[in-house]
Amino acid sequence: MSQNTPMPERVDQIVASYQARSTALIMVLQEVQQEYSYLPPEALQRISERMDLALSQIYGVATFYKAFSLEPRGKHLVSVCTGTACHVRNSQSILERLERDLHVERGQTSTDREVTLETVNCVGACALGPVVLIDGKHYGHLTVGEVEKLVEVIRQCPCSVQH
């Protein structure tokens, strides 16, 4: 099974594991996203049918929460904190260097689907600012000069994050 091609049987299994309860919609969406690294339209249609929910309601939830993505994400998720504490400690320059070194713009996924680069308003680690998360792992007190090491971490890690 290709990770990016939704299999109706797998979506059905996820929905069934929550007894198709409408109150479990967020959990269903989280599992589907873990399975495919995003929320494919075919999967959302299947969820709508199996949970007897309007497709517009499902899209409403999927677009409301930043944790969900309707676009395919990369194997690695890189999040740069741009909250006040990180911003005043030069997170913008770190972000720009990551864009250049990873060949991907913020909010986008690289053409080889290796990396998704995003910004977040706060990761709750202000004392460590500026902070970058790579596949959920925090890297703090960063300088622009350390970005090269971060890029190596991303390129050498064979694992992928479950988004």
N, C-alpha and C. Protein backbone atom coordinates (compact mmCIF):
# COMPACT_ATOMS: atom_id res chain seq x y z
N MET A 1 0.84 -1.18 0.00
CA MET A 1 0.00 0.00 0.00
C MET A 1 0.88 1.24 0.00
N SER A 2 0.64 2.14 -0.92
CA SER A 2 1.36 3.41 -0.93
C SER A 2 0.87 4.25 0.23
N GLN A 3 1.81 4.90 0.91
CA GLN A 3 1.45 5.70 2.08
C GLN A 3 0.51 6.84 1.69
N ASN A 4 0.50 7.26 0.45
CA ASN A 4 -0.28 8.42 0.06
C ASN A 4 -1.58 8.07 -0.64
N THR A 5 -1.82 6.81 -0.91
CA THR A 5 -3.05 6.40 -1.55
C THR A 5 -3.98 5.82 -0.50
N PRO A 6 -5.06 6.55 -0.17
CA PRO A 6 -5.96 6.06 0.87
C PRO A 6 -6.63 4.75 0.46
N MET A 7 -6.58 3.82 1.35
CA MET A 7 -7.25 2.54 1.14
C MET A 7 -8.55 2.58 1.93
N PRO A 8 -9.67 2.43 1.26
CA PRO A 8 -10.95 2.52 1.96
C PRO A 8 -11.04 1.59 3.17
N GLU A 9 -10.43 0.42 3.06
CA GLU A 9 -10.50 -0.53 4.17
C GLU A 9 -9.80 0.02 5.41
N ARG A 10 -8.67 0.69 5.23
CA ARG A 10 -7.94 1.23 6.38
C ARG A 10 -8.73 2.37 7.03
N VAL A 11 -9.31 3.24 6.21
CA VAL A 11 -10.14 4.32 6.75
C VAL A 11 -11.33 3.72 7.49
N ASP A 12 -11.93 2.69 6.91
CA ASP A 12 -13.06 2.02 7.57
C ASP A 12 -12.65 1.44 8.93
N GLN A 13 -11.45 0.86 8.99
CA GLN A 13 -10.96 0.30 10.26
C GLN A 13 -10.80 1.40 11.31
N ILE A 14 -10.26 2.52 10.91
CA ILE A 14 -10.07 3.63 11.85
C ILE A 14 -11.42 4.12 12.36
N VAL A 15 -12.35 4.35 11.45
CA VAL A 15 -13.69 4.82 11.86
C VAL A 15 -14.35 3.79 12.77
N ALA A 16 -14.26 2.52 12.42
CA ALA A 16 -14.88 1.45 13.22
C ALA A 16 -14.27 1.37 14.62
N SER A 17 -12.97 1.68 14.73
CA SER A 17 -12.33 1.60 16.04
C SER A 17 -12.93 2.61 17.02
N TYR A 18 -13.62 3.61 16.51
CA TYR A 18 -14.32 4.61 17.34
C TYR A 18 -15.84 4.44 17.24
N GLN A 19 -16.28 3.29 16.78
CA GLN A 19 -17.70 2.98 16.61
C GLN A 19 -18.44 4.06 15.80
N ALA A 20 -17.74 4.73 14.91
CA ALA A 20 -18.30 5.76 14.04
C ALA A 20 -19.01 6.87 14.81
N ARG A 21 -18.61 7.09 16.07
CA ARG A 21 -19.21 8.14 16.89
C ARG A 21 -18.78 9.51 16.38
N SER A 22 -19.73 10.39 16.19
CA SER A 22 -19.42 11.73 15.70
C SER A 22 -18.53 12.48 16.68
N THR A 23 -18.62 12.17 17.95
CA THR A 23 -17.78 12.82 18.96
C THR A 23 -16.31 12.43 18.83
N ALA A 24 -16.03 11.41 18.04
CA ALA A 24 -14.65 10.95 17.85
C ALA A 24 -14.02 11.47 16.57
N LEU A 25 -14.67 12.43 15.93
CA LEU A 25 -14.19 12.91 14.63
C LEU A 25 -12.72 13.36 14.68
N ILE A 26 -12.35 14.13 15.68
CA ILE A 26 -10.97 14.62 15.75
C ILE A 26 -9.99 13.46 15.87
N MET A 27 -10.32 12.48 16.69
CA MET A 27 -9.43 11.32 16.84
C MET A 27 -9.32 10.53 15.52
N VAL A 28 -10.43 10.41 14.82
CA VAL A 28 -10.41 9.71 13.53
C VAL A 28 -9.51 10.47 12.55
N LEU A 29 -9.67 11.79 12.50
CA LEU A 29 -8.84 12.60 11.60
C LEU A 29 -7.37 12.49 11.97
N GLN A 30 -7.07 12.47 13.27
CA GLN A 30 -5.67 12.34 13.69
C GLN A 30 -5.08 11.01 13.21
N GLU A 31 -5.82 9.94 13.36
CA GLU A 31 -5.29 8.63 12.93
C GLU A 31 -5.14 8.54 11.42
N VAL A 32 -6.10 9.09 10.69
CA VAL A 32 -5.99 9.07 9.23
C VAL A 32 -4.77 9.88 8.81
N GLN A 33 -4.56 11.02 9.45
CA GLN A 33 -3.38 11.83 9.11
C GLN A 33 -2.09 11.09 9.46
N GLN A 34 -2.06 10.38 10.57
CA GLN A 34 -0.87 9.59 10.91
C GLN A 34 -0.61 8.54 9.84
N GLU A 35 -1.66 7.97 9.33
CA GLU A 35 -1.53 6.91 8.32
C GLU A 35 -0.99 7.43 6.99
N TYR A 36 -1.45 8.62 6.55
CA TYR A 36 -1.14 9.11 5.21
C TYR A 36 -0.27 10.37 5.19
N SER A 37 0.04 10.92 6.35
CA SER A 37 0.81 12.15 6.53
C SER A 37 0.04 13.41 6.15
N TYR A 38 -1.21 13.26 5.79
CA TYR A 38 -2.13 14.37 5.54
C TYR A 38 -3.53 13.79 5.46
N LEU A 39 -4.53 14.64 5.20
CA LEU A 39 -5.91 14.19 5.09
C LEU A 39 -6.34 14.21 3.62
N PRO A 40 -6.20 13.08 2.94
CA PRO A 40 -6.56 13.03 1.52
C PRO A 40 -8.07 13.23 1.33
N PRO A 41 -8.48 13.89 0.25
CA PRO A 41 -9.91 14.12 0.02
C PRO A 41 -10.73 12.83 -0.03
N GLU A 42 -10.14 11.77 -0.60
CA GLU A 42 -10.86 10.50 -0.67
C GLU A 42 -11.14 9.94 0.72
N ALA A 43 -10.19 10.11 1.61
CA ALA A 43 -10.36 9.64 2.99
C ALA A 43 -11.44 10.45 3.70
N LEU A 44 -11.46 11.76 3.48
CA LEU A 44 -12.47 12.61 4.11
C LEU A 44 -13.87 12.24 3.61
N GLN A 45 -13.98 11.94 2.32
CA GLN A 45 -15.26 11.51 1.77
C GLN A 45 -15.71 10.20 2.42
N ARG A 46 -14.78 9.28 2.58
CA ARG A 46 -15.09 7.98 3.20
C ARG A 46 -15.51 8.17 4.66
N ILE A 47 -14.82 9.05 5.38
CA ILE A 47 -15.19 9.34 6.77
C ILE A 47 -16.60 9.91 6.82
N SER A 48 -16.91 10.80 5.91
CA SER A 48 -18.25 11.39 5.83
C SER A 48 -19.31 10.31 5.67
N GLU A 49 -19.07 9.38 4.78
CA GLU A 49 -20.02 8.30 4.53
C GLU A 49 -20.14 7.37 5.73
N ARG A 50 -19.02 6.97 6.31
CA ARG A 50 -19.03 5.99 7.40
C ARG A 50 -19.52 6.56 8.73
N MET A 51 -19.30 7.86 8.93
CA MET A 51 -19.71 8.47 10.20
C MET A 51 -21.03 9.22 10.07
N ASP A 52 -21.59 9.22 8.86
CA ASP A 52 -22.85 9.91 8.59
C ASP A 52 -22.78 11.38 9.00
N LEU A 53 -21.69 12.03 8.58
CA LEU A 53 -21.48 13.45 8.85
C LEU A 53 -21.36 14.18 7.52
N ALA A 54 -21.80 15.42 7.50
CA ALA A 54 -21.67 16.22 6.28
C ALA A 54 -20.19 16.44 5.98
N LEU A 55 -19.84 16.33 4.73
CA LEU A 55 -18.45 16.55 4.32
C LEU A 55 -18.00 17.96 4.71
N SER A 56 -18.89 18.93 4.64
CA SER A 56 -18.55 20.31 5.03
C SER A 56 -18.20 20.39 6.51
N GLN A 57 -18.85 19.59 7.34
CA GLN A 57 -18.54 19.57 8.77
C GLN A 57 -17.12 19.01 8.99
N ILE A 58 -16.78 17.97 8.26
CA ILE A 58 -15.46 17.36 8.39
C ILE A 58 -14.38 18.33 7.91
N TYR A 59 -14.62 18.99 6.78
CA TYR A 59 -13.66 19.99 6.30
C TYR A 59 -13.55 21.16 7.27
N GLY A 60 -14.67 21.52 7.90
CA GLY A 60 -14.65 22.59 8.89
C GLY A 60 -13.71 22.29 10.03
N VAL A 61 -13.75 21.07 10.53
CA VAL A 61 -12.86 20.66 11.62
C VAL A 61 -11.42 20.56 11.11
N ALA A 62 -11.25 19.97 9.94
CA ALA A 62 -9.90 19.76 9.40
C ALA A 62 -9.20 21.08 9.08
N THR A 63 -9.94 22.10 8.74
CA THR A 63 -9.31 23.39 8.42
C THR A 63 -9.21 24.30 9.63
N PHE A 64 -9.98 24.04 10.66
CA PHE A 64 -9.93 24.87 11.87
C PHE A 64 -8.65 24.64 12.67
N TYR A 65 -8.24 23.38 12.79
CA TYR A 65 -7.08 23.03 13.60
C TYR A 65 -5.82 23.00 12.75
N LYS A 66 -4.80 23.74 13.20
CA LYS A 66 -3.54 23.81 12.47
C LYS A 66 -2.82 22.45 12.41
N ALA A 67 -3.14 21.58 13.33
CA ALA A 67 -2.48 20.27 13.36
C ALA A 67 -2.83 19.42 12.14
N PHE A 68 -3.94 19.73 11.49
CA PHE A 68 -4.35 18.95 10.32
C PHE A 68 -3.86 19.60 9.04
N SER A 69 -3.54 18.76 8.07
CA SER A 69 -3.08 19.25 6.78
C SER A 69 -3.88 18.58 5.67
N LEU A 70 -4.36 19.40 4.74
CA LEU A 70 -5.06 18.89 3.57
C LEU A 70 -4.11 18.68 2.40
N GLU A 71 -2.85 19.05 2.60
CA GLU A 71 -1.81 18.88 1.59
C GLU A 71 -0.80 17.85 2.09
N PRO A 72 -0.23 17.06 1.18
CA PRO A 72 0.78 16.09 1.62
C PRO A 72 1.94 16.77 2.33
N ARG A 73 2.38 16.17 3.40
CA ARG A 73 3.51 16.68 4.17
C ARG A 73 4.74 15.84 3.87
N GLY A 74 5.88 16.42 4.20
CA GLY A 74 7.13 15.73 3.99
C GLY A 74 7.39 14.65 5.03
N LYS A 75 8.40 13.86 4.76
CA LYS A 75 8.81 12.80 5.67
C LYS A 75 9.22 13.39 7.02
N HIS A 76 9.82 14.58 6.98
CA HIS A 76 10.25 15.27 8.19
C HIS A 76 9.49 16.59 8.33
N LEU A 77 9.03 16.85 9.54
CA LEU A 77 8.33 18.10 9.83
C LEU A 77 9.24 19.00 10.65
N VAL A 78 9.55 20.18 10.09
CA VAL A 78 10.41 21.15 10.75
C VAL A 78 9.55 22.36 11.09
N SER A 79 9.45 22.66 12.39
CA SER A 79 8.63 23.77 12.86
C SER A 79 9.52 24.80 13.54
N VAL A 80 9.44 26.03 13.07
CA VAL A 80 10.23 27.12 13.64
C VAL A 80 9.30 27.99 14.47
N CYS A 81 9.64 28.17 15.74
CA CYS A 81 8.84 29.01 16.61
C CYS A 81 9.08 30.47 16.25
N THR A 82 7.99 31.20 16.03
CA THR A 82 8.10 32.62 15.73
C THR A 82 7.38 33.46 16.79
N GLY A 83 7.14 32.87 17.95
CA GLY A 83 6.55 33.61 19.06
C GLY A 83 7.48 34.72 19.51
N THR A 84 6.97 35.58 20.37
CA THR A 84 7.72 36.77 20.78
C THR A 84 9.11 36.44 21.32
N ALA A 85 9.19 35.49 22.26
CA ALA A 85 10.49 35.17 22.87
C ALA A 85 11.49 34.67 21.82
N CYS A 86 11.02 33.87 20.88
CA CYS A 86 11.92 33.36 19.84
C CYS A 86 12.22 34.45 18.81
N HIS A 87 11.20 35.24 18.49
CA HIS A 87 11.38 36.30 17.50
C HIS A 87 12.47 37.29 17.92
N VAL A 88 12.43 37.71 19.17
CA VAL A 88 13.43 38.69 19.62
C VAL A 88 14.83 38.07 19.72
N ARG A 89 14.89 36.75 19.67
CA ARG A 89 16.19 36.06 19.70
C ARG A 89 16.59 35.57 18.32
N ASN A 90 16.01 36.17 17.27
CA ASN A 90 16.46 35.98 15.89
C ASN A 90 15.91 34.73 15.20
N SER A 91 14.72 34.27 15.56
CA SER A 91 14.16 33.09 14.89
C SER A 91 13.90 33.35 13.40
N GLN A 92 13.64 34.60 13.03
CA GLN A 92 13.39 34.94 11.62
C GLN A 92 14.61 34.61 10.76
N SER A 93 15.78 34.94 11.24
CA SER A 93 17.01 34.64 10.48
C SER A 93 17.24 33.13 10.39
N ILE A 94 16.92 32.42 11.46
CA ILE A 94 17.05 30.95 11.44
C ILE A 94 16.09 30.37 10.42
N LEU A 95 14.86 30.87 10.40
CA LEU A 95 13.87 30.41 9.43
C LEU A 95 14.35 30.66 8.00
N GLU A 96 14.86 31.84 7.74
CA GLU A 96 15.33 32.17 6.39
C GLU A 96 16.49 31.27 5.98
N ARG A 97 17.37 30.96 6.90
CA ARG A 97 18.50 30.07 6.60
C ARG A 97 18.00 28.65 6.34
N LEU A 98 17.02 28.19 7.12
CA LEU A 98 16.45 26.87 6.87
C LEU A 98 15.79 26.81 5.50
N GLU A 99 15.08 27.87 5.13
CA GLU A 99 14.46 27.91 3.80
C GLU A 99 15.53 27.75 2.72
N ARG A 100 16.60 28.46 2.87
CA ARG A 100 17.68 28.42 1.87
C ARG A 100 18.36 27.05 1.84
N ASP A 101 18.73 26.54 3.02
CA ASP A 101 19.50 25.30 3.08
C ASP A 101 18.66 24.06 2.76
N LEU A 102 17.36 24.10 3.07
CA LEU A 102 16.49 22.95 2.81
C LEU A 102 15.78 23.06 1.45
N HIS A 103 15.93 24.20 0.80
CA HIS A 103 15.29 24.44 -0.51
C HIS A 103 13.78 24.29 -0.43
N VAL A 104 13.21 24.91 0.59
CA VAL A 104 11.75 24.87 0.75
C VAL A 104 11.32 26.15 1.46
N GLU A 105 10.20 26.70 1.03
CA GLU A 105 9.68 27.91 1.66
C GLU A 105 8.79 27.54 2.84
N ARG A 106 8.71 28.46 3.80
CA ARG A 106 7.84 28.22 4.96
C ARG A 106 6.41 27.95 4.50
N GLY A 107 5.80 27.01 5.18
CA GLY A 107 4.44 26.64 4.82
C GLY A 107 4.36 25.68 3.64
N GLN A 108 5.50 25.21 3.16
CA GLN A 108 5.54 24.35 1.98
C GLN A 108 6.25 23.03 2.28
N THR A 109 6.12 22.13 1.34
CA THR A 109 6.81 20.84 1.40
C THR A 109 7.77 20.78 0.22
N SER A 110 8.97 20.27 0.46
CA SER A 110 9.96 20.18 -0.61
C SER A 110 9.44 19.29 -1.73
N THR A 111 9.94 19.52 -2.93
CA THR A 111 9.46 18.78 -4.09
C THR A 111 9.73 17.28 -3.97
N ASP A 112 10.76 16.90 -3.22
CA ASP A 112 11.06 15.47 -3.03
C ASP A 112 10.27 14.88 -1.85
N ARG A 113 9.42 15.69 -1.23
CA ARG A 113 8.57 15.29 -0.10
C ARG A 113 9.38 14.82 1.11
N GLU A 114 10.61 15.32 1.22
CA GLU A 114 11.44 14.98 2.38
C GLU A 114 11.13 15.87 3.58
N VAL A 115 10.84 17.16 3.33
CA VAL A 115 10.72 18.13 4.42
C VAL A 115 9.52 19.04 4.23
N THR A 116 8.77 19.23 5.31
CA THR A 116 7.77 20.29 5.38
C THR A 116 8.29 21.29 6.40
N LEU A 117 8.32 22.56 6.00
CA LEU A 117 8.81 23.63 6.86
C LEU A 117 7.63 24.52 7.23
N GLU A 118 7.40 24.67 8.53
CA GLU A 118 6.29 25.50 8.96
C GLU A 118 6.73 26.41 10.09
N THR A 119 5.93 27.43 10.33
CA THR A 119 6.15 28.28 11.48
C THR A 119 5.01 28.04 12.47
N VAL A 120 5.32 28.18 13.74
CA VAL A 120 4.31 28.06 14.79
C VAL A 120 4.46 29.27 15.70
N ASN A 121 3.34 29.69 16.28
CA ASN A 121 3.36 30.90 17.11
C ASN A 121 4.03 30.70 18.45
N CYS A 122 4.00 29.49 18.99
CA CYS A 122 4.66 29.22 20.26
C CYS A 122 4.73 27.71 20.46
N VAL A 123 5.85 27.24 20.96
CA VAL A 123 5.99 25.81 21.27
C VAL A 123 6.03 25.59 22.77
N GLY A 124 5.87 26.67 23.53
CA GLY A 124 5.83 26.55 24.99
C GLY A 124 7.19 26.33 25.63
N ALA A 125 8.23 26.71 24.95
CA ALA A 125 9.59 26.55 25.48
C ALA A 125 10.34 27.87 25.36
N CYS A 126 9.70 28.93 25.83
CA CYS A 126 10.24 30.28 25.64
C CYS A 126 11.65 30.45 26.21
N ALA A 127 11.95 29.79 27.30
CA ALA A 127 13.28 29.92 27.91
C ALA A 127 14.37 29.33 27.01
N LEU A 128 13.98 28.49 26.06
CA LEU A 128 14.95 27.86 25.17
C LEU A 128 15.10 28.60 23.84
N GLY A 129 14.37 29.69 23.67
CA GLY A 129 14.32 30.39 22.40
C GLY A 129 15.67 30.86 21.90
N PRO A 130 15.81 30.90 20.60
CA PRO A 130 14.86 30.45 19.59
C PRO A 130 14.84 28.92 19.48
N VAL A 131 13.66 28.38 19.19
CA VAL A 131 13.45 26.95 19.18
C VAL A 131 13.00 26.48 17.80
N VAL A 132 13.53 25.33 17.39
CA VAL A 132 13.09 24.64 16.18
C VAL A 132 12.75 23.22 16.60
N LEU A 133 11.63 22.72 16.11
CA LEU A 133 11.26 21.32 16.34
C LEU A 133 11.50 20.56 15.05
N ILE A 134 12.19 19.43 15.17
CA ILE A 134 12.41 18.55 14.02
C ILE A 134 11.80 17.22 14.40
N ASP A 135 10.76 16.85 13.69
CA ASP A 135 10.04 15.60 13.97
C ASP A 135 9.67 15.50 15.44
N GLY A 136 9.27 16.63 16.03
CA GLY A 136 8.81 16.66 17.41
C GLY A 136 9.89 16.85 18.45
N LYS A 137 11.15 16.83 18.06
CA LYS A 137 12.25 17.01 19.01
C LYS A 137 12.67 18.48 19.04
N HIS A 138 12.80 19.02 20.26
CA HIS A 138 13.15 20.43 20.45
C HIS A 138 14.66 20.66 20.31
N TYR A 139 15.01 21.72 19.60
CA TYR A 139 16.38 22.21 19.51
C TYR A 139 16.32 23.68 19.91
N GLY A 140 16.96 24.02 21.03
CA GLY A 140 16.84 25.37 21.56
C GLY A 140 18.15 26.12 21.63
N HIS A 141 18.02 27.40 22.02
CA HIS A 141 19.17 28.32 22.11
C HIS A 141 19.96 28.34 20.81
N LEU A 142 19.26 28.35 19.70
CA LEU A 142 19.91 28.23 18.39
C LEU A 142 20.47 29.55 17.89
N THR A 143 21.48 29.41 17.05
CA THR A 143 22.02 30.55 16.32
C THR A 143 21.95 30.21 14.84
N VAL A 144 22.06 31.23 14.02
CA VAL A 144 22.04 31.00 12.57
C VAL A 144 23.17 30.05 12.17
N GLY A 145 24.30 30.16 12.83
CA GLY A 145 25.43 29.30 12.52
C GLY A 145 25.19 27.83 12.80
N GLU A 146 24.22 27.53 13.64
CA GLU A 146 23.92 26.13 13.98
C GLU A 146 22.91 25.49 13.04
N VAL A 147 22.37 26.26 12.12
CA VAL A 147 21.38 25.73 11.19
C VAL A 147 21.96 24.60 10.35
N GLU A 148 23.22 24.71 9.98
CA GLU A 148 23.86 23.65 9.19
C GLU A 148 23.79 22.31 9.91
N LYS A 149 23.98 22.32 11.24
CA LYS A 149 23.88 21.08 12.03
C LYS A 149 22.45 20.54 12.01
N LEU A 150 21.46 21.43 12.06
CA LEU A 150 20.06 21.01 12.00
C LEU A 150 19.75 20.34 10.67
N VAL A 151 20.26 20.92 9.61
CA VAL A 151 20.04 20.35 8.28
C VAL A 151 20.64 18.96 8.20
N GLU A 152 21.80 18.76 8.80
CA GLU A 152 22.43 17.43 8.83
C GLU A 152 21.57 16.44 9.63
N VAL A 153 21.01 16.90 10.74
CA VAL A 153 20.11 16.04 11.54
C VAL A 153 18.96 15.55 10.68
N ILE A 154 18.38 16.46 9.91
CA ILE A 154 17.24 16.11 9.05
C ILE A 154 17.67 15.14 7.96
N ARG A 155 18.78 15.42 7.32
CA ARG A 155 19.20 14.59 6.18
C ARG A 155 19.69 13.21 6.59
N GLN A 156 20.21 13.09 7.82
CA GLN A 156 20.75 11.80 8.26
C GLN A 156 19.73 10.92 8.96
N CYS A 157 18.60 11.49 9.34
CA CYS A 157 17.61 10.70 10.08
C CYS A 157 16.80 9.84 9.10
N PRO A 158 16.90 8.52 9.23
CA PRO A 158 16.14 7.64 8.34
C PRO A 158 14.67 7.54 8.74
N CYS A 159 14.38 7.96 9.96
CA CYS A 159 13.02 7.83 10.46
C CYS A 159 12.14 8.94 9.90
N SER A 160 10.86 8.76 10.06
CA SER A 160 9.94 9.82 9.71
C SER A 160 8.97 9.99 10.87
N VAL A 161 8.49 11.18 11.00
CA VAL A 161 7.57 11.51 12.08
C VAL A 161 6.15 11.11 11.68
N GLN A 162 5.38 10.75 12.66
CA GLN A 162 3.96 10.51 12.42
C GLN A 162 3.25 11.83 12.66
N HIS A 163 2.79 12.47 11.59
CA HIS A 163 2.17 13.79 11.70
C HIS A 163 0.79 13.67 12.28
